[in-house]
């Protein structure tokens, strides 16, 4: 039986190097997210710092799950690939059924 392995690497949206984190921000009513390596994150943080200091906080936004976490996205991609290879029907997006995640973890142990 042919086995395939899907590897997902989150890369910096500027230069394609491995990203350390996903940054979410909003401007003029639109929300954005960008994957950045450490150097670009520090540049971004430094660039917006004067505006943050001068601005006012407006209530916090609620984070939903771990979708923005690069590590979790990578894990979810691995689970989806494993699930498809093993006959499970999982969507490309959204929550992965708990029983599929549990089976994946048992298979990896």
PDB file of N, CA and C in Angstrom:
ATOM      1  N   UNK A   1       0.843  -1.179   0.000  1.00  0.00           N
ATOM      2  CA  UNK A   1       0.000   0.000   0.000  1.00  0.00           C
ATOM      3  C   UNK A   1       0.890   1.246   0.000  1.00  0.00           C
ATOM      4  N   UNK A   2       0.611   2.147  -0.886  1.00  0.00           N
ATOM      5  CA  UNK A   2       1.392   3.367  -1.001  1.00  0.00           C
ATOM      6  C   UNK A   2       1.042   4.298   0.153  1.00  0.00           C
ATOM      7  N   UNK A   3       2.060   4.805   0.816  1.00  0.00           N
ATOM      8  CA  UNK A   3       1.841   5.760   1.898  1.00  0.00           C
ATOM      9  C   UNK A   3       2.359   7.116   1.455  1.00  0.00           C
ATOM     10  N   UNK A   4       1.612   8.126   1.816  1.00  0.00           N
ATOM     11  CA  UNK A   4       2.057   9.482   1.540  1.00  0.00           C
ATOM     12  C   UNK A   4       2.117  10.230   2.851  1.00  0.00           C
ATOM     13  N   UNK A   5       2.942  11.234   2.874  1.00  0.00           N
ATOM     14  CA  UNK A   5       3.091  12.039   4.073  1.00  0.00           C
ATOM     15  C   UNK A   5       2.964  13.494   3.661  1.00  0.00           C
ATOM     16  N   UNK A   6       2.074  14.202   4.319  1.00  0.00           N
ATOM     17  CA  UNK A   6       1.866  15.607   4.017  1.00  0.00           C
ATOM     18  C   UNK A   6       2.528  16.424   5.117  1.00  0.00           C
ATOM     19  N   UNK A   7       3.412  17.324   4.719  1.00  0.00           N
ATOM     20  CA  UNK A   7       4.094  18.180   5.677  1.00  0.00           C
ATOM     21  C   UNK A   7       3.657  19.612   5.405  1.00  0.00           C
ATOM     22  N   UNK A   8       3.195  20.287   6.443  1.00  0.00           N
ATOM     23  CA  UNK A   8       2.762  21.672   6.322  1.00  0.00           C
ATOM     24  C   UNK A   8       3.747  22.531   7.103  1.00  0.00           C
ATOM     25  N   UNK A   9       4.321  23.503   6.429  1.00  0.00           N
ATOM     26  CA  UNK A   9       5.247  24.415   7.088  1.00  0.00           C
ATOM     27  C   UNK A   9       4.654  25.811   7.001  1.00  0.00           C
ATOM     28  N   UNK A  10       4.534  26.476   8.138  1.00  0.00           N
ATOM     29  CA  UNK A  10       4.030  27.842   8.158  1.00  0.00           C
ATOM     30  C   UNK A  10       5.225  28.755   7.908  1.00  0.00           C
ATOM     31  N   UNK A  11       5.104  29.605   6.892  1.00  0.00           N
ATOM     32  CA  UNK A  11       6.227  30.459   6.511  1.00  0.00           C
ATOM     33  C   UNK A  11       5.878  31.937   6.655  1.00  0.00           C
ATOM     34  N   UNK A  12       6.908  32.735   6.854  1.00  0.00           N
ATOM     35  CA  UNK A  12       6.781  34.182   6.974  1.00  0.00           C
ATOM     36  C   UNK A  12       6.187  34.723   5.672  1.00  0.00           C
ATOM     37  N   UNK A  13       5.161  35.546   5.797  1.00  0.00           N
ATOM     38  CA  UNK A  13       4.479  36.071   4.619  1.00  0.00           C
ATOM     39  C   UNK A  13       5.324  37.076   3.829  1.00  0.00           C
ATOM     40  N   UNK A  14       6.428  37.561   4.410  1.00  0.00           N
ATOM     41  CA  UNK A  14       7.306  38.484   3.688  1.00  0.00           C
ATOM     42  C   UNK A  14       8.379  37.773   2.887  1.00  0.00           C
ATOM     43  N   UNK A  15       9.071  36.830   3.520  1.00  0.00           N
ATOM     44  CA  UNK A  15      10.248  36.275   2.850  1.00  0.00           C
ATOM     45  C   UNK A  15      10.273  34.757   2.722  1.00  0.00           C
ATOM     46  N   UNK A  16       9.232  34.083   3.166  1.00  0.00           N
ATOM     47  CA  UNK A  16       9.155  32.641   2.989  1.00  0.00           C
ATOM     48  C   UNK A  16       9.978  31.812   3.952  1.00  0.00           C
ATOM     49  N   UNK A  17      10.632  32.448   4.928  1.00  0.00           N
ATOM     50  CA  UNK A  17      11.376  31.690   5.937  1.00  0.00           C
ATOM     51  C   UNK A  17      10.388  31.109   6.942  1.00  0.00           C
ATOM     52  N   UNK A  18      10.795  30.126   7.754  1.00  0.00           N
ATOM     53  CA  UNK A  18       9.864  29.561   8.737  1.00  0.00           C
ATOM     54  C   UNK A  18       9.310  30.642   9.674  1.00  0.00           C
ATOM     55  N   UNK A  19       8.009  30.621   9.883  1.00  0.00           N
ATOM     56  CA  UNK A  19       7.356  31.611  10.746  1.00  0.00           C
ATOM     57  C   UNK A  19       7.323  31.105  12.180  1.00  0.00           C
ATOM     58  N   UNK A  20       7.465  32.042  13.106  1.00  0.00           N
ATOM     59  CA  UNK A  20       7.399  31.711  14.523  1.00  0.00           C
ATOM     60  C   UNK A  20       5.997  31.886  15.081  1.00  0.00           C
ATOM     61  N   UNK A  21       5.228  32.784  14.476  1.00  0.00           N
ATOM     62  CA  UNK A  21       3.901  33.041  15.019  1.00  0.00           C
ATOM     63  C   UNK A  21       3.002  33.724  13.998  1.00  0.00           C
ATOM     64  N   UNK A  22       1.715  33.646  14.296  1.00  0.00           N
ATOM     65  CA  UNK A  22       0.711  34.339  13.507  1.00  0.00           C
ATOM     66  C   UNK A  22       0.249  35.540  14.319  1.00  0.00           C
ATOM     67  N   UNK A  23       0.264  36.709  13.705  1.00  0.00           N
ATOM     68  CA  UNK A  23      -0.133  37.938  14.380  1.00  0.00           C
ATOM     69  C   UNK A  23      -1.470  38.380  13.806  1.00  0.00           C
ATOM     70  N   UNK A  24      -2.394  38.678  14.685  1.00  0.00           N
ATOM     71  CA  UNK A  24      -3.697  39.206  14.267  1.00  0.00           C
ATOM     72  C   UNK A  24      -3.753  40.678  14.641  1.00  0.00           C
ATOM     73  N   UNK A  25      -4.307  41.477  13.750  1.00  0.00           N
ATOM     74  CA  UNK A  25      -4.480  42.887  14.049  1.00  0.00           C
ATOM     75  C   UNK A  25      -5.658  43.409  13.237  1.00  0.00           C
ATOM     76  N   UNK A  26      -6.136  44.588  13.617  1.00  0.00           N
ATOM     77  CA  UNK A  26      -7.265  45.190  12.910  1.00  0.00           C
ATOM     78  C   UNK A  26      -6.908  46.633  12.572  1.00  0.00           C
ATOM     79  N   UNK A  27      -7.419  47.092  11.443  1.00  0.00           N
ATOM     80  CA  UNK A  27      -7.208  48.464  11.019  1.00  0.00           C
ATOM     81  C   UNK A  27      -8.403  48.903  10.192  1.00  0.00           C
ATOM     82  N   UNK A  28      -8.965  50.047  10.544  1.00  0.00           N
ATOM     83  CA  UNK A  28     -10.099  50.609   9.809  1.00  0.00           C
ATOM     84  C   UNK A  28     -11.251  49.628   9.656  1.00  0.00           C
ATOM     85  N   UNK A  29     -11.521  48.877  10.696  1.00  0.00           N
ATOM     86  CA  UNK A  29     -12.654  47.963  10.689  1.00  0.00           C
ATOM     87  C   UNK A  29     -12.410  46.621  10.031  1.00  0.00           C
ATOM     88  N   UNK A  30     -11.228  46.408   9.481  1.00  0.00           N
ATOM     89  CA  UNK A  30     -10.911  45.122   8.852  1.00  0.00           C
ATOM     90  C   UNK A  30      -9.898  44.380   9.718  1.00  0.00           C
ATOM     91  N   UNK A  31     -10.091  43.087   9.868  1.00  0.00           N
ATOM     92  CA  UNK A  31      -9.165  42.262  10.643  1.00  0.00           C
ATOM     93  C   UNK A  31      -8.204  41.555   9.700  1.00  0.00           C
ATOM     94  N   UNK A  32      -6.971  41.433  10.148  1.00  0.00           N
ATOM     95  CA  UNK A  32      -5.922  40.803   9.348  1.00  0.00           C
ATOM     96  C   UNK A  32      -5.159  39.802  10.201  1.00  0.00           C
ATOM     97  N   UNK A  33      -4.487  38.873   9.557  1.00  0.00           N
ATOM     98  CA  UNK A  33      -3.520  38.038  10.242  1.00  0.00           C
ATOM     99  C   UNK A  33      -2.357  37.819   9.297  1.00  0.00           C
ATOM    100  N   UNK A  34      -1.182  37.723   9.894  1.00  0.00           N
ATOM    101  CA  UNK A  34       0.038  37.582   9.113  1.00  0.00           C
ATOM    102  C   UNK A  34       0.977  36.645   9.866  1.00  0.00           C
ATOM    103  N   UNK A  35       1.629  35.755   9.136  1.00  0.00           N
ATOM    104  CA  UNK A  35       2.601  34.843   9.732  1.00  0.00           C
ATOM    105  C   UNK A  35       3.975  35.504   9.633  1.00  0.00           C
ATOM    106  N   UNK A  36       4.661  35.586  10.783  1.00  0.00           N
ATOM    107  CA  UNK A  36       5.938  36.293  10.835  1.00  0.00           C
ATOM    108  C   UNK A  36       7.016  35.493  11.548  1.00  0.00           C
ATOM    109  N   UNK A  37       8.262  35.675  11.100  1.00  0.00           N
ATOM    110  CA  UNK A  37       9.380  35.132  11.868  1.00  0.00           C
ATOM    111  C   UNK A  37       9.688  36.129  12.987  1.00  0.00           C
ATOM    112  N   UNK A  38      10.614  35.802  13.865  1.00  0.00           N
ATOM    113  CA  UNK A  38      10.892  36.651  15.029  1.00  0.00           C
ATOM    114  C   UNK A  38      11.323  38.061  14.617  1.00  0.00           C
ATOM    115  N   UNK A  39      12.216  38.173  13.641  1.00  0.00           N
ATOM    116  CA  UNK A  39      12.715  39.487  13.228  1.00  0.00           C
ATOM    117  C   UNK A  39      11.589  40.363  12.682  1.00  0.00           C
ATOM    118  N   UNK A  40      10.735  39.807  11.835  1.00  0.00           N
ATOM    119  CA  UNK A  40       9.632  40.594  11.281  1.00  0.00           C
ATOM    120  C   UNK A  40       8.598  40.929  12.349  1.00  0.00           C
ATOM    121  N   UNK A  41       8.392  40.019  13.309  1.00  0.00           N
ATOM    122  CA  UNK A  41       7.474  40.326  14.410  1.00  0.00           C
ATOM    123  C   UNK A  41       7.994  41.526  15.193  1.00  0.00           C
ATOM    124  N   UNK A  42       9.290  41.532  15.497  1.00  0.00           N
ATOM    125  CA  UNK A  42       9.869  42.647  16.255  1.00  0.00           C
ATOM    126  C   UNK A  42       9.767  43.950  15.477  1.00  0.00           C
ATOM    127  N   UNK A  43       9.988  43.907  14.164  1.00  0.00           N
ATOM    128  CA  UNK A  43       9.829  45.098  13.319  1.00  0.00           C
ATOM    129  C   UNK A  43       8.388  45.599  13.366  1.00  0.00           C
ATOM    130  N   UNK A  44       7.438  44.669  13.247  1.00  0.00           N
ATOM    131  CA  UNK A  44       6.017  45.024  13.267  1.00  0.00           C
ATOM    132  C   UNK A  44       5.656  45.656  14.609  1.00  0.00           C
ATOM    133  N   UNK A  45       6.073  45.005  15.708  1.00  0.00           N
ATOM    134  CA  UNK A  45       5.753  45.502  17.049  1.00  0.00           C
ATOM    135  C   UNK A  45       6.340  46.895  17.265  1.00  0.00           C
ATOM    136  N   UNK A  46       7.565  47.100  16.814  1.00  0.00           N
ATOM    137  CA  UNK A  46       8.212  48.405  16.968  1.00  0.00           C
ATOM    138  C   UNK A  46       7.494  49.474  16.143  1.00  0.00           C
ATOM    139  N   UNK A  47       7.078  49.119  14.941  1.00  0.00           N
ATOM    140  CA  UNK A  47       6.421  50.079  14.051  1.00  0.00           C
ATOM    141  C   UNK A  47       5.073  50.546  14.591  1.00  0.00           C
ATOM    142  N   UNK A  48       4.315  49.648  15.215  1.00  0.00           N
ATOM    143  CA  UNK A  48       2.977  50.053  15.675  1.00  0.00           C
ATOM    144  C   UNK A  48       2.971  50.568  17.110  1.00  0.00           C
ATOM    145  N   UNK A  49       4.081  50.415  17.837  1.00  0.00           N
ATOM    146  CA  UNK A  49       4.118  50.809  19.247  1.00  0.00           C
ATOM    147  C   UNK A  49       3.689  52.260  19.491  1.00  0.00           C
ATOM    148  N   UNK A  50       4.167  53.252  18.718  1.00  0.00           N
ATOM    149  CA  UNK A  50       3.737  54.634  18.969  1.00  0.00           C
ATOM    150  C   UNK A  50       2.224  54.815  18.825  1.00  0.00           C
ATOM    151  N   UNK A  51       1.619  54.081  17.904  1.00  0.00           N
ATOM    152  CA  UNK A  51       0.183  54.197  17.684  1.00  0.00           C
ATOM    153  C   UNK A  51      -0.595  53.515  18.807  1.00  0.00           C
ATOM    154  N   UNK A  52      -0.052  52.425  19.308  1.00  0.00           N
ATOM    155  CA  UNK A  52      -0.689  51.740  20.438  1.00  0.00           C
ATOM    156  C   UNK A  52      -0.654  52.637  21.668  1.00  0.00           C
ATOM    157  N   UNK A  53       0.503  53.272  21.912  1.00  0.00           N
ATOM    158  CA  UNK A  53       0.642  54.157  23.078  1.00  0.00           C
ATOM    159  C   UNK A  53      -0.316  55.338  22.993  1.00  0.00           C
ATOM    160  N   UNK A  54      -0.510  55.880  21.799  1.00  0.00           N
ATOM    161  CA  UNK A  54      -1.377  57.042  21.629  1.00  0.00           C
ATOM    162  C   UNK A  54      -2.855  56.664  21.556  1.00  0.00           C
ATOM    163  N   UNK A  55      -3.135  55.404  21.239  1.00  0.00           N
ATOM    164  CA  UNK A  55      -4.518  54.972  21.039  1.00  0.00           C
ATOM    165  C   UNK A  55      -5.226  54.576  22.326  1.00  0.00           C
ATOM    166  N   UNK A  56      -6.468  54.179  22.193  1.00  0.00           N
ATOM    167  CA  UNK A  56      -7.302  53.704  23.301  1.00  0.00           C
ATOM    168  C   UNK A  56      -7.719  52.282  23.004  1.00  0.00           C
ATOM    169  N   UNK A  57      -7.751  51.455  24.043  1.00  0.00           N
ATOM    170  CA  UNK A  57      -8.267  50.100  23.865  1.00  0.00           C
ATOM    171  C   UNK A  57      -9.782  50.169  23.760  1.00  0.00           C
ATOM    172  N   UNK A  58     -10.326  49.331  22.907  1.00  0.00           N
ATOM    173  CA  UNK A  58     -11.784  49.205  22.832  1.00  0.00           C
ATOM    174  C   UNK A  58     -12.080  47.798  23.273  1.00  0.00           C
ATOM    175  N   UNK A  59     -12.859  47.295  23.922  1.00  0.00           N
ATOM    176  CA  UNK A  59     -13.007  45.926  24.392  1.00  0.00           C
ATOM    177  C   UNK A  59     -12.133  44.898  23.684  1.00  0.00           C
ATOM    178  N   UNK A  60     -11.871  43.857  24.367  1.00  0.00           N
ATOM    179  CA  UNK A  60     -11.020  42.832  23.771  1.00  0.00           C
ATOM    180  C   UNK A  60     -11.830  41.975  22.811  1.00  0.00           C
ATOM    181  N   UNK A  61     -11.138  41.423  21.852  1.00  0.00           N
ATOM    182  CA  UNK A  61     -11.800  40.500  20.938  1.00  0.00           C
ATOM    183  C   UNK A  61     -11.612  39.099  21.472  1.00  0.00           C
ATOM    184  N   UNK A  62     -12.598  38.270  21.298  1.00  0.00           N
ATOM    185  CA  UNK A  62     -12.515  36.888  21.785  1.00  0.00           C
ATOM    186  C   UNK A  62     -11.764  36.049  20.780  1.00  0.00           C
ATOM    187  N   UNK A  63     -10.830  35.274  21.288  1.00  0.00           N
ATOM    188  CA  UNK A  63     -10.120  34.328  20.419  1.00  0.00           C
ATOM    189  C   UNK A  63     -10.936  33.068  20.312  1.00  0.00           C
ATOM    190  N   UNK A  64     -10.960  32.519  19.122  1.00  0.00           N
ATOM    191  CA  UNK A  64     -11.688  31.275  18.906  1.00  0.00           C
ATOM    192  C   UNK A  64     -10.690  30.152  18.737  1.00  0.00           C
ATOM    193  N   UNK A  65     -10.675  29.247  19.654  1.00  0.00           N
ATOM    194  CA  UNK A  65      -9.867  28.041  19.526  1.00  0.00           C
ATOM    195  C   UNK A  65      -8.403  28.307  19.272  1.00  0.00           C
ATOM    196  N   UNK A  66      -7.743  27.386  18.589  1.00  0.00           N
ATOM    197  CA  UNK A  66      -6.321  27.487  18.292  1.00  0.00           C
ATOM    198  C   UNK A  66      -6.057  27.666  16.806  1.00  0.00           C
ATOM    199  N   UNK A  67      -7.040  28.145  16.082  1.00  0.00           N
ATOM    200  CA  UNK A  67      -6.886  28.226  14.632  1.00  0.00           C
ATOM    201  C   UNK A  67      -5.715  29.109  14.215  1.00  0.00           C
ATOM    202  N   UNK A  68      -5.406  30.131  15.006  1.00  0.00           N
ATOM    203  CA  UNK A  68      -4.315  31.011  14.650  1.00  0.00           C
ATOM    204  C   UNK A  68      -2.962  30.549  15.103  1.00  0.00           C
ATOM    205  N   UNK A  69      -2.916  29.489  15.832  1.00  0.00           N
ATOM    206  CA  UNK A  69      -1.671  28.970  16.362  1.00  0.00           C
ATOM    207  C   UNK A  69      -0.989  28.114  15.300  1.00  0.00           C
ATOM    208  N   UNK A  70       0.191  28.516  14.820  1.00  0.00           N
ATOM    209  CA  UNK A  70       0.854  27.741  13.763  1.00  0.00           C
ATOM    210  C   UNK A  70       1.102  26.294  14.152  1.00  0.00           C
ATOM    211  N   UNK A  71       1.457  26.060  15.403  1.00  0.00           N
ATOM    212  CA  UNK A  71       1.702  24.692  15.850  1.00  0.00           C
ATOM    213  C   UNK A  71       0.429  23.872  15.761  1.00  0.00           C
ATOM    214  N   UNK A  72      -0.699  24.452  16.173  1.00  0.00           N
ATOM    215  CA  UNK A  72      -1.971  23.738  16.123  1.00  0.00           C
ATOM    216  C   UNK A  72      -2.407  23.519  14.677  1.00  0.00           C
ATOM    217  N   UNK A  73      -2.167  24.502  13.818  1.00  0.00           N
ATOM    218  CA  UNK A  73      -2.521  24.328  12.402  1.00  0.00           C
ATOM    219  C   UNK A  73      -1.729  23.184  11.791  1.00  0.00           C
ATOM    220  N   UNK A  74      -0.458  23.106  12.142  1.00  0.00           N
ATOM    221  CA  UNK A  74       0.386  22.027  11.636  1.00  0.00           C
ATOM    222  C   UNK A  74      -0.136  20.681  12.128  1.00  0.00           C
ATOM    223  N   UNK A  75      -0.461  20.604  13.412  1.00  0.00           N
ATOM    224  CA  UNK A  75      -0.993  19.363  13.986  1.00  0.00           C
ATOM    225  C   UNK A  75      -2.313  18.988  13.304  1.00  0.00           C
ATOM    226  N   UNK A  76      -3.189  19.969  13.102  1.00  0.00           N
ATOM    227  CA  UNK A  76      -4.468  19.694  12.442  1.00  0.00           C
ATOM    228  C   UNK A  76      -4.258  19.188  11.016  1.00  0.00           C
ATOM    229  N   UNK A  77      -3.287  19.752  10.307  1.00  0.00           N
ATOM    230  CA  UNK A  77      -2.996  19.294   8.940  1.00  0.00           C
ATOM    231  C   UNK A  77      -2.527  17.843   8.957  1.00  0.00           C
ATOM    232  N   UNK A  78      -1.699  17.495   9.929  1.00  0.00           N
ATOM    233  CA  UNK A  78      -1.228  16.111  10.056  1.00  0.00           C
ATOM    234  C   UNK A  78      -2.397  15.175  10.352  1.00  0.00           C
ATOM    235  N   UNK A  79      -3.277  15.602  11.253  1.00  0.00           N
ATOM    236  CA  UNK A  79      -4.434  14.772  11.614  1.00  0.00           C
ATOM    237  C   UNK A  79      -5.333  14.573  10.400  1.00  0.00           C
ATOM    238  N   UNK A  80      -5.609  15.649   9.652  1.00  0.00           N
ATOM    239  CA  UNK A  80      -6.467  15.543   8.465  1.00  0.00           C
ATOM    240  C   UNK A  80      -5.857  14.590   7.434  1.00  0.00           C
ATOM    241  N   UNK A  81      -4.553  14.722   7.196  1.00  0.00           N
ATOM    242  CA  UNK A  81      -3.885  13.839   6.226  1.00  0.00           C
ATOM    243  C   UNK A  81      -3.975  12.387   6.685  1.00  0.00           C
ATOM    244  N   UNK A  82      -3.713  12.146   7.958  1.00  0.00           N
ATOM    245  CA  UNK A  82      -3.796  10.784   8.503  1.00  0.00           C
ATOM    246  C   UNK A  82      -5.221  10.258   8.373  1.00  0.00           C
ATOM    247  N   UNK A  83      -6.200  11.101   8.726  1.00  0.00           N
ATOM    248  CA  UNK A  83      -7.600  10.680   8.691  1.00  0.00           C
ATOM    249  C   UNK A  83      -8.011  10.267   7.276  1.00  0.00           C
ATOM    250  N   UNK A  84      -7.633  11.051   6.286  1.00  0.00           N
ATOM    251  CA  UNK A  84      -7.987  10.722   4.898  1.00  0.00           C
ATOM    252  C   UNK A  84      -7.325   9.428   4.452  1.00  0.00           C
ATOM    253  N   UNK A  85      -6.053   9.247   4.837  1.00  0.00           N
ATOM    254  CA  UNK A  85      -5.336   8.016   4.480  1.00  0.00           C
ATOM    255  C   UNK A  85      -5.960   6.786   5.130  1.00  0.00           C
ATOM    256  N   UNK A  86      -6.654   7.000   6.242  1.00  0.00           N
ATOM    257  CA  UNK A  86      -7.221   5.891   7.001  1.00  0.00           C
ATOM    258  C   UNK A  86      -8.739   5.809   6.889  1.00  0.00           C
ATOM    259  N   UNK A  87      -9.285   6.397   5.824  1.00  0.00           N
ATOM    260  CA  UNK A  87     -10.694   6.224   5.508  1.00  0.00           C
ATOM    261  C   UNK A  87     -11.685   7.093   6.255  1.00  0.00           C
ATOM    262  N   UNK A  88     -11.216   8.101   6.954  1.00  0.00           N
ATOM    263  CA  UNK A  88     -12.133   9.010   7.651  1.00  0.00           C
ATOM    264  C   UNK A  88     -12.503  10.157   6.718  1.00  0.00           C
ATOM    265  N   UNK A  89     -13.721  10.616   6.814  1.00  0.00           N
ATOM    266  CA  UNK A  89     -14.183  11.734   6.008  1.00  0.00           C
ATOM    267  C   UNK A  89     -14.108  12.994   6.869  1.00  0.00           C
ATOM    268  N   UNK A  90     -13.086  13.813   6.642  1.00  0.00           N
ATOM    269  CA  UNK A  90     -12.937  15.057   7.401  1.00  0.00           C
ATOM    270  C   UNK A  90     -12.884  16.223   6.426  1.00  0.00           C
ATOM    271  N   UNK A  91     -13.418  17.355   6.848  1.00  0.00           N
ATOM    272  CA  UNK A  91     -13.424  18.537   5.988  1.00  0.00           C
ATOM    273  C   UNK A  91     -12.048  19.191   5.986  1.00  0.00           C
ATOM    274  N   UNK A  92     -11.812  20.034   4.995  1.00  0.00           N
ATOM    275  CA  UNK A  92     -10.539  20.754   4.891  1.00  0.00           C
ATOM    276  C   UNK A  92     -10.428  21.849   5.943  1.00  0.00           C
ATOM    277  N   UNK A  93     -11.562  22.314   6.444  1.00  0.00           N
ATOM    278  CA  UNK A  93     -11.577  23.396   7.430  1.00  0.00           C
ATOM    279  C   UNK A  93     -12.521  23.030   8.555  1.00  0.00           C
ATOM    280  N   UNK A  94     -12.411  23.756   9.638  1.00  0.00           N
ATOM    281  CA  UNK A  94     -13.323  23.558  10.759  1.00  0.00           C
ATOM    282  C   UNK A  94     -12.810  22.538  11.756  1.00  0.00           C
ATOM    283  N   UNK A  95     -13.657  22.246  12.698  1.00  0.00           N
ATOM    284  CA  UNK A  95     -13.294  21.355  13.797  1.00  0.00           C
ATOM    285  C   UNK A  95     -13.154  19.916  13.309  1.00  0.00           C
ATOM    286  N   UNK A  96     -12.145  19.247  13.821  1.00  0.00           N
ATOM    287  CA  UNK A  96     -11.934  17.831  13.520  1.00  0.00           C
ATOM    288  C   UNK A  96     -12.652  17.043  14.610  1.00  0.00           C
ATOM    289  N   UNK A  97     -13.486  16.067  14.246  1.00  0.00           N
ATOM    290  CA  UNK A  97     -14.210  15.300  15.267  1.00  0.00           C
ATOM    291  C   UNK A  97     -13.257  14.706  16.312  1.00  0.00           C
ATOM    292  N   UNK A  98     -13.660  14.770  17.572  1.00  0.00           N
ATOM    293  CA  UNK A  98     -12.828  14.311  18.686  1.00  0.00           C
ATOM    294  C   UNK A  98     -12.420  12.852  18.533  1.00  0.00           C
ATOM    295  N   UNK A  99     -13.323  12.023  18.005  1.00  0.00           N
ATOM    296  CA  UNK A  99     -12.989  10.603  17.871  1.00  0.00           C
ATOM    297  C   UNK A  99     -11.880  10.385  16.839  1.00  0.00           C
ATOM    298  N   UNK A 100     -11.832  11.234  15.809  1.00  0.00           N
ATOM    299  CA  UNK A 100     -10.766  11.136  14.808  1.00  0.00           C
ATOM    300  C   UNK A 100      -9.432  11.553  15.437  1.00  0.00           C
ATOM    301  N   UNK A 101      -9.455  12.637  16.205  1.00  0.00           N
ATOM    302  CA  UNK A 101      -8.239  13.101  16.886  1.00  0.00           C
ATOM    303  C   UNK A 101      -7.737  12.029  17.841  1.00  0.00           C
ATOM    304  N   UNK A 102      -8.660  11.418  18.575  1.00  0.00           N
ATOM    305  CA  UNK A 102      -8.290  10.369  19.530  1.00  0.00           C
ATOM    306  C   UNK A 102      -7.659   9.171  18.808  1.00  0.00           C
ATOM    307  N   UNK A 103      -8.260   8.747  17.704  1.00  0.00           N
ATOM    308  CA  UNK A 103      -7.704   7.625  16.928  1.00  0.00           C
ATOM    309  C   UNK A 103      -6.317   7.966  16.392  1.00  0.00           C
ATOM    310  N   UNK A 104      -6.151   9.196  15.909  1.00  0.00           N
ATOM    311  CA  UNK A 104      -4.850   9.643  15.402  1.00  0.00           C
ATOM    312  C   UNK A 104      -3.798   9.551  16.504  1.00  0.00           C
ATOM    313  N   UNK A 105      -4.125  10.070  17.677  1.00  0.00           N
ATOM    314  CA  UNK A 105      -3.156  10.061  18.784  1.00  0.00           C
ATOM    315  C   UNK A 105      -2.807   8.643  19.215  1.00  0.00           C
ATOM    316  N   UNK A 106      -3.787   7.754  19.206  1.00  0.00           N
ATOM    317  CA  UNK A 106      -3.512   6.350  19.543  1.00  0.00           C
ATOM    318  C   UNK A 106      -2.586   5.729  18.503  1.00  0.00           C
ATOM    319  N   UNK A 107      -2.817   6.058  17.232  1.00  0.00           N
ATOM    320  CA  UNK A 107      -1.998   5.496  16.157  1.00  0.00           C
ATOM    321  C   UNK A 107      -0.561   6.020  16.211  1.00  0.00           C
ATOM    322  N   UNK A 108      -0.379   7.217  16.733  1.00  0.00           N
ATOM    323  CA  UNK A 108       0.954   7.812  16.806  1.00  0.00           C
ATOM    324  C   UNK A 108       1.739   7.352  18.029  1.00  0.00           C
ATOM    325  N   UNK A 109       1.033   6.799  19.010  1.00  0.00           N
ATOM    326  CA  UNK A 109       1.698   6.399  20.270  1.00  0.00           C
ATOM    327  C   UNK A 109       2.548   5.165  20.105  1.00  0.00           C
TER     328      UNK A 109
END
